[in-house]
Amino acid sequence: MTSQNPGDALPDEPKLNPGDAAEPGTPGTGENLCQECEGTGKIGASACPICGGTGVVITGIGGG
């Protein structure tokens, strides 16, 4: 039996960042620039904690 923390993503599951509204590929969502780091992926010399350093977050689209 393996022990896994509740927040750990399985190897075949995408990792969600705090700024993501849903998993990538979820219908009605898309990539958007992170407003915290303005798409740079960094805040100062550190990786942005909201987007995980990617500069993008997954958000709802289309006003749905």
PDB file of N, CA and C in Angstrom:
ATOM      1  N   MET A   1       0.850  -1.181   0.000  1.00  0.00           N
ATOM      2  CA  MET A   1       0.000   0.000   0.000  1.00  0.00           C
ATOM      3  C   MET A   1       0.891   1.238   0.000  1.00  0.00           C
ATOM      4  N   THR A   2       0.614   2.157  -0.898  1.00  0.00           N
ATOM      5  CA  THR A   2       1.399   3.376  -0.954  1.00  0.00           C
ATOM      6  C   THR A   2       0.664   4.496  -0.249  1.00  0.00           C
ATOM      7  N   SER A   3       1.437   5.349   0.363  1.00  0.00           N
ATOM      8  CA  SER A   3       0.866   6.494   1.065  1.00  0.00           C
ATOM      9  C   SER A   3       0.966   7.707   0.166  1.00  0.00           C
ATOM     10  N   GLN A   4      -0.134   8.427   0.045  1.00  0.00           N
ATOM     11  CA  GLN A   4      -0.148   9.615  -0.804  1.00  0.00           C
ATOM     12  C   GLN A   4      -0.848  10.748  -0.077  1.00  0.00           C
ATOM     13  N   ASN A   5      -0.246  11.931  -0.150  1.00  0.00           N
ATOM     14  CA  ASN A   5      -0.859  13.095   0.462  1.00  0.00           C
ATOM     15  C   ASN A   5      -2.052  13.533  -0.372  1.00  0.00           C
ATOM     16  N   PRO A   6      -3.100  14.070   0.241  1.00  0.00           N
ATOM     17  CA  PRO A   6      -4.291  14.492  -0.502  1.00  0.00           C
ATOM     18  C   PRO A   6      -4.002  15.511  -1.602  1.00  0.00           C
ATOM     19  N   GLY A   7      -3.011  16.373  -1.439  1.00  0.00           N
ATOM     20  CA  GLY A   7      -2.714  17.394  -2.435  1.00  0.00           C
ATOM     21  C   GLY A   7      -1.820  16.927  -3.562  1.00  0.00           C
ATOM     22  N   ASP A   8      -1.289  15.699  -3.465  1.00  0.00           N
ATOM     23  CA  ASP A   8      -0.387  15.198  -4.497  1.00  0.00           C
ATOM     24  C   ASP A   8      -1.173  14.769  -5.728  1.00  0.00           C
ATOM     25  N   ALA A   9      -0.730  15.234  -6.901  1.00  0.00           N
ATOM     26  CA  ALA A   9      -1.348  14.813  -8.154  1.00  0.00           C
ATOM     27  C   ALA A   9      -0.751  13.473  -8.553  1.00  0.00           C
ATOM     28  N   LEU A  10      -1.565  12.594  -9.129  1.00  0.00           N
ATOM     29  CA  LEU A  10      -1.070  11.341  -9.658  1.00  0.00           C
ATOM     30  C   LEU A  10      -0.245  11.644 -10.901  1.00  0.00           C
ATOM     31  N   PRO A  11       0.665  10.758 -11.284  1.00  0.00           N
ATOM     32  CA  PRO A  11       1.537  11.050 -12.428  1.00  0.00           C
ATOM     33  C   PRO A  11       0.796  11.376 -13.718  1.00  0.00           C
ATOM     34  N   ASP A  12      -0.371  10.788 -13.942  1.00  0.00           N
ATOM     35  CA  ASP A  12      -1.108  11.041 -15.182  1.00  0.00           C
ATOM     36  C   ASP A  12      -2.129  12.177 -15.053  1.00  0.00           C
ATOM     37  N   GLU A  13      -2.188  12.829 -13.895  1.00  0.00           N
ATOM     38  CA  GLU A  13      -3.105  13.946 -13.695  1.00  0.00           C
ATOM     39  C   GLU A  13      -2.334  15.262 -13.758  1.00  0.00           C
ATOM     40  N   PRO A  14      -2.910  16.290 -14.398  1.00  0.00           N
ATOM     41  CA  PRO A  14      -2.217  17.584 -14.448  1.00  0.00           C
ATOM     42  C   PRO A  14      -2.150  18.224 -13.069  1.00  0.00           C
ATOM     43  N   LYS A  15      -1.073  18.964 -12.831  1.00  0.00           N
ATOM     44  CA  LYS A  15      -0.907  19.660 -11.561  1.00  0.00           C
ATOM     45  C   LYS A  15      -1.668  20.973 -11.629  1.00  0.00           C
ATOM     46  N   LEU A  16      -2.516  21.231 -10.657  1.00  0.00           N
ATOM     47  CA  LEU A  16      -3.239  22.492 -10.591  1.00  0.00           C
ATOM     48  C   LEU A  16      -2.463  23.486  -9.748  1.00  0.00           C
ATOM     49  N   ASN A  17      -2.436  24.711 -10.190  1.00  0.00           N
ATOM     50  CA  ASN A  17      -1.835  25.803  -9.435  1.00  0.00           C
ATOM     51  C   ASN A  17      -2.947  26.558  -8.723  1.00  0.00           C
ATOM     52  N   PRO A  18      -2.628  27.326  -7.683  1.00  0.00           N
ATOM     53  CA  PRO A  18      -3.666  28.045  -6.941  1.00  0.00           C
ATOM     54  C   PRO A  18      -4.549  28.959  -7.799  1.00  0.00           C
ATOM     55  N   GLY A  19      -4.030  29.477  -8.899  1.00  0.00           N
ATOM     56  CA  GLY A  19      -4.811  30.370  -9.748  1.00  0.00           C
ATOM     57  C   GLY A  19      -5.689  29.663 -10.758  1.00  0.00           C
ATOM     58  N   ASP A  20      -5.576  28.331 -10.875  1.00  0.00           N
ATOM     59  CA  ASP A  20      -6.370  27.587 -11.844  1.00  0.00           C
ATOM     60  C   ASP A  20      -7.800  27.376 -11.346  1.00  0.00           C
ATOM     61  N   ALA A  21      -8.767  27.638 -12.237  1.00  0.00           N
ATOM     62  CA  ALA A  21     -10.170  27.419 -11.896  1.00  0.00           C
ATOM     63  C   ALA A  21     -10.592  25.983 -12.186  1.00  0.00           C
ATOM     64  N   ALA A  22      -9.840  25.290 -13.058  1.00  0.00           N
ATOM     65  CA  ALA A  22     -10.165  23.917 -13.444  1.00  0.00           C
ATOM     66  C   ALA A  22      -8.930  23.263 -14.039  1.00  0.00           C
ATOM     67  N   GLU A  23      -9.015  21.959 -14.290  1.00  0.00           N
ATOM     68  CA  GLU A  23      -7.924  21.242 -14.938  1.00  0.00           C
ATOM     69  C   GLU A  23      -7.819  21.664 -16.394  1.00  0.00           C
ATOM     70  N   PRO A  24      -6.611  21.677 -16.965  1.00  0.00           N
ATOM     71  CA  PRO A  24      -6.466  21.978 -18.389  1.00  0.00           C
ATOM     72  C   PRO A  24      -7.317  21.027 -19.224  1.00  0.00           C
ATOM     73  N   GLY A  25      -7.948  21.554 -20.264  1.00  0.00           N
ATOM     74  CA  GLY A  25      -8.781  20.751 -21.146  1.00  0.00           C
ATOM     75  C   GLY A  25     -10.236  20.649 -20.728  1.00  0.00           C
ATOM     76  N   THR A  26     -10.588  21.205 -19.572  1.00  0.00           N
ATOM     77  CA  THR A  26     -11.977  21.183 -19.131  1.00  0.00           C
ATOM     78  C   THR A  26     -12.807  22.043 -20.084  1.00  0.00           C
ATOM     79  N   PRO A  27     -13.921  21.509 -20.613  1.00  0.00           N
ATOM     80  CA  PRO A  27     -14.761  22.314 -21.516  1.00  0.00           C
ATOM     81  C   PRO A  27     -15.181  23.632 -20.855  1.00  0.00           C
ATOM     82  N   GLY A  28     -15.133  24.709 -21.626  1.00  0.00           N
ATOM     83  CA  GLY A  28     -15.521  26.017 -21.120  1.00  0.00           C
ATOM     84  C   GLY A  28     -14.408  26.752 -20.418  1.00  0.00           C
ATOM     85  N   THR A  29     -13.168  26.228 -20.525  1.00  0.00           N
ATOM     86  CA  THR A  29     -12.023  26.883 -19.903  1.00  0.00           C
ATOM     87  C   THR A  29     -10.910  27.075 -20.925  1.00  0.00           C
ATOM     88  N   GLY A  30      -9.959  27.916 -20.586  1.00  0.00           N
ATOM     89  CA  GLY A  30      -8.808  28.127 -21.441  1.00  0.00           C
ATOM     90  C   GLY A  30      -7.688  28.795 -20.672  1.00  0.00           C
ATOM     91  N   GLU A  31      -6.528  28.901 -21.325  1.00  0.00           N
ATOM     92  CA  GLU A  31      -5.393  29.556 -20.694  1.00  0.00           C
ATOM     93  C   GLU A  31      -5.575  31.066 -20.722  1.00  0.00           C
ATOM     94  N   ASN A  32      -5.153  31.711 -19.655  1.00  0.00           N
ATOM     95  CA  ASN A  32      -5.205  33.160 -19.537  1.00  0.00           C
ATOM     96  C   ASN A  32      -3.915  33.601 -18.852  1.00  0.00           C
ATOM     97  N   LEU A  33      -3.469  34.813 -19.115  1.00  0.00           N
ATOM     98  CA  LEU A  33      -2.289  35.319 -18.431  1.00  0.00           C
ATOM     99  C   LEU A  33      -2.573  35.465 -16.946  1.00  0.00           C
ATOM    100  N   CYS A  34      -1.608  35.105 -16.146  1.00  0.00           N
ATOM    101  CA  CYS A  34      -1.711  35.277 -14.694  1.00  0.00           C
ATOM    102  C   CYS A  34      -1.694  36.763 -14.387  1.00  0.00           C
ATOM    103  N   GLN A  35      -2.675  37.229 -13.651  1.00  0.00           N
ATOM    104  CA  GLN A  35      -2.746  38.650 -13.322  1.00  0.00           C
ATOM    105  C   GLN A  35      -1.781  39.026 -12.206  1.00  0.00           C
ATOM    106  N   GLU A  36      -1.380  38.061 -11.415  1.00  0.00           N
ATOM    107  CA  GLU A  36      -0.466  38.356 -10.309  1.00  0.00           C
ATOM    108  C   GLU A  36       0.926  38.727 -10.834  1.00  0.00           C
ATOM    109  N   CYS A  37       1.450  37.945 -11.781  1.00  0.00           N
ATOM    110  CA  CYS A  37       2.796  38.197 -12.308  1.00  0.00           C
ATOM    111  C   CYS A  37       2.766  38.816 -13.707  1.00  0.00           C
ATOM    112  N   GLU A  38       1.567  39.085 -14.208  1.00  0.00           N
ATOM    113  CA  GLU A  38       1.356  39.667 -15.538  1.00  0.00           C
ATOM    114  C   GLU A  38       1.962  38.812 -16.647  1.00  0.00           C
ATOM    115  N   GLY A  39       1.932  37.490 -16.467  1.00  0.00           N
ATOM    116  CA  GLY A  39       2.385  36.562 -17.491  1.00  0.00           C
ATOM    117  C   GLY A  39       3.869  36.281 -17.511  1.00  0.00           C
ATOM    118  N   THR A  40       4.631  36.866 -16.592  1.00  0.00           N
ATOM    119  CA  THR A  40       6.077  36.645 -16.585  1.00  0.00           C
ATOM    120  C   THR A  40       6.475  35.338 -15.902  1.00  0.00           C
ATOM    121  N   GLY A  41       5.636  34.847 -15.000  1.00  0.00           N
ATOM    122  CA  GLY A  41       5.959  33.646 -14.235  1.00  0.00           C
ATOM    123  C   GLY A  41       6.810  33.917 -13.010  1.00  0.00           C
ATOM    124  N   LYS A  42       7.171  35.178 -12.813  1.00  0.00           N
ATOM    125  CA  LYS A  42       8.024  35.520 -11.670  1.00  0.00           C
ATOM    126  C   LYS A  42       7.479  36.737 -10.927  1.00  0.00           C
ATOM    127  N   ILE A  43       7.716  36.738  -9.642  1.00  0.00           N
ATOM    128  CA  ILE A  43       7.478  37.913  -8.807  1.00  0.00           C
ATOM    129  C   ILE A  43       8.813  38.168  -8.129  1.00  0.00           C
ATOM    130  N   GLY A  44       9.481  39.228  -8.557  1.00  0.00           N
ATOM    131  CA  GLY A  44      10.851  39.468  -8.100  1.00  0.00           C
ATOM    132  C   GLY A  44      11.741  38.385  -8.688  1.00  0.00           C
ATOM    133  N   ALA A  45      12.501  37.731  -7.839  1.00  0.00           N
ATOM    134  CA  ALA A  45      13.400  36.666  -8.289  1.00  0.00           C
ATOM    135  C   ALA A  45      12.799  35.274  -8.101  1.00  0.00           C
ATOM    136  N   SER A  46      11.567  35.203  -7.566  1.00  0.00           N
ATOM    137  CA  SER A  46      10.936  33.920  -7.264  1.00  0.00           C
ATOM    138  C   SER A  46       9.847  33.569  -8.268  1.00  0.00           C
ATOM    139  N   ALA A  47       9.573  32.279  -8.381  1.00  0.00           N
ATOM    140  CA  ALA A  47       8.460  31.831  -9.216  1.00  0.00           C
ATOM    141  C   ALA A  47       7.147  32.324  -8.620  1.00  0.00           C
ATOM    142  N   CYS A  48       6.225  32.730  -9.472  1.00  0.00           N
ATOM    143  CA  CYS A  48       4.922  33.210  -9.017  1.00  0.00           C
ATOM    144  C   CYS A  48       4.170  32.077  -8.321  1.00  0.00           C
ATOM    145  N   PRO A  49       3.673  32.296  -7.112  1.00  0.00           N
ATOM    146  CA  PRO A  49       2.953  31.245  -6.399  1.00  0.00           C
ATOM    147  C   PRO A  49       1.549  30.982  -6.957  1.00  0.00           C
ATOM    148  N   ILE A  50       1.008  31.899  -7.718  1.00  0.00           N
ATOM    149  CA  ILE A  50      -0.351  31.742  -8.249  1.00  0.00           C
ATOM    150  C   ILE A  50      -0.363  30.830  -9.478  1.00  0.00           C
ATOM    151  N   CYS A  51       0.581  31.041 -10.407  1.00  0.00           N
ATOM    152  CA  CYS A  51       0.618  30.247 -11.637  1.00  0.00           C
ATOM    153  C   CYS A  51       1.683  29.167 -11.610  1.00  0.00           C
ATOM    154  N   GLY A  52       2.445  29.089 -10.535  1.00  0.00           N
ATOM    155  CA  GLY A  52       3.499  28.089 -10.434  1.00  0.00           C
ATOM    156  C   GLY A  52       4.688  28.372 -11.329  1.00  0.00           C
ATOM    157  N   GLY A  53       4.828  29.617 -11.756  1.00  0.00           N
ATOM    158  CA  GLY A  53       5.958  30.005 -12.594  1.00  0.00           C
ATOM    159  C   GLY A  53       5.723  29.841 -14.081  1.00  0.00           C
ATOM    160  N   THR A  54       4.510  29.484 -14.479  1.00  0.00           N
ATOM    161  CA  THR A  54       4.216  29.295 -15.900  1.00  0.00           C
ATOM    162  C   THR A  54       3.798  30.578 -16.598  1.00  0.00           C
ATOM    163  N   GLY A  55       3.250  31.534 -15.854  1.00  0.00           N
ATOM    164  CA  GLY A  55       2.750  32.768 -16.443  1.00  0.00           C
ATOM    165  C   GLY A  55       1.315  32.666 -16.931  1.00  0.00           C
ATOM    166  N   VAL A  56       0.732  31.463 -16.862  1.00  0.00           N
ATOM    167  CA  VAL A  56      -0.654  31.284 -17.295  1.00  0.00           C
ATOM    168  C   VAL A  56      -1.458  30.548 -16.222  1.00  0.00           C
ATOM    169  N   VAL A  57      -2.766  30.809 -16.215  1.00  0.00           N
ATOM    170  CA  VAL A  57      -3.702  30.101 -15.341  1.00  0.00           C
ATOM    171  C   VAL A  57      -4.871  29.622 -16.203  1.00  0.00           C
ATOM    172  N   ILE A  58      -5.574  28.627 -15.747  1.00  0.00           N
ATOM    173  CA  ILE A  58      -6.744  28.107 -16.446  1.00  0.00           C
ATOM    174  C   ILE A  58      -7.962  28.790 -15.861  1.00  0.00           C
ATOM    175  N   THR A  59      -8.737  29.480 -16.720  1.00  0.00           N
ATOM    176  CA  THR A  59      -9.923  30.217 -16.268  1.00  0.00           C
ATOM    177  C   THR A  59     -11.123  29.865 -17.130  1.00  0.00           C
ATOM    178  N   GLY A  60     -12.301  30.188 -16.617  1.00  0.00           N
ATOM    179  CA  GLY A  60     -13.523  30.009 -17.388  1.00  0.00           C
ATOM    180  C   GLY A  60     -13.586  31.016 -18.517  1.00  0.00           C
ATOM    181  N   ILE A  61     -14.161  30.617 -19.650  1.00  0.00           N
ATOM    182  CA  ILE A  61     -14.308  31.514 -20.789  1.00  0.00           C
ATOM    183  C   ILE A  61     -15.765  31.568 -21.225  1.00  0.00           C
ATOM    184  N   GLY A  62     -16.095  32.585 -21.944  1.00  0.00           N
ATOM    185  CA  GLY A  62     -17.425  32.674 -22.529  1.00  0.00           C
ATOM    186  C   GLY A  62     -18.527  33.134 -21.587  1.00  0.00           C
ATOM    187  N   GLY A  63     -18.188  33.611 -20.414  1.00  0.00           N
ATOM    188  CA  GLY A  63     -19.190  34.116 -19.486  1.00  0.00           C
ATOM    189  C   GLY A  63     -20.094  33.051 -18.914  1.00  0.00           C
ATOM    190  N   GLY A  64     -19.687  31.797 -18.988  1.00  0.00           N
ATOM    191  CA  GLY A  64     -20.498  30.689 -18.498  1.00  0.00           C
ATOM    192  C   GLY A  64     -20.298  30.497 -17.093  1.00  0.00           C
TER     193      GLY A  64
END
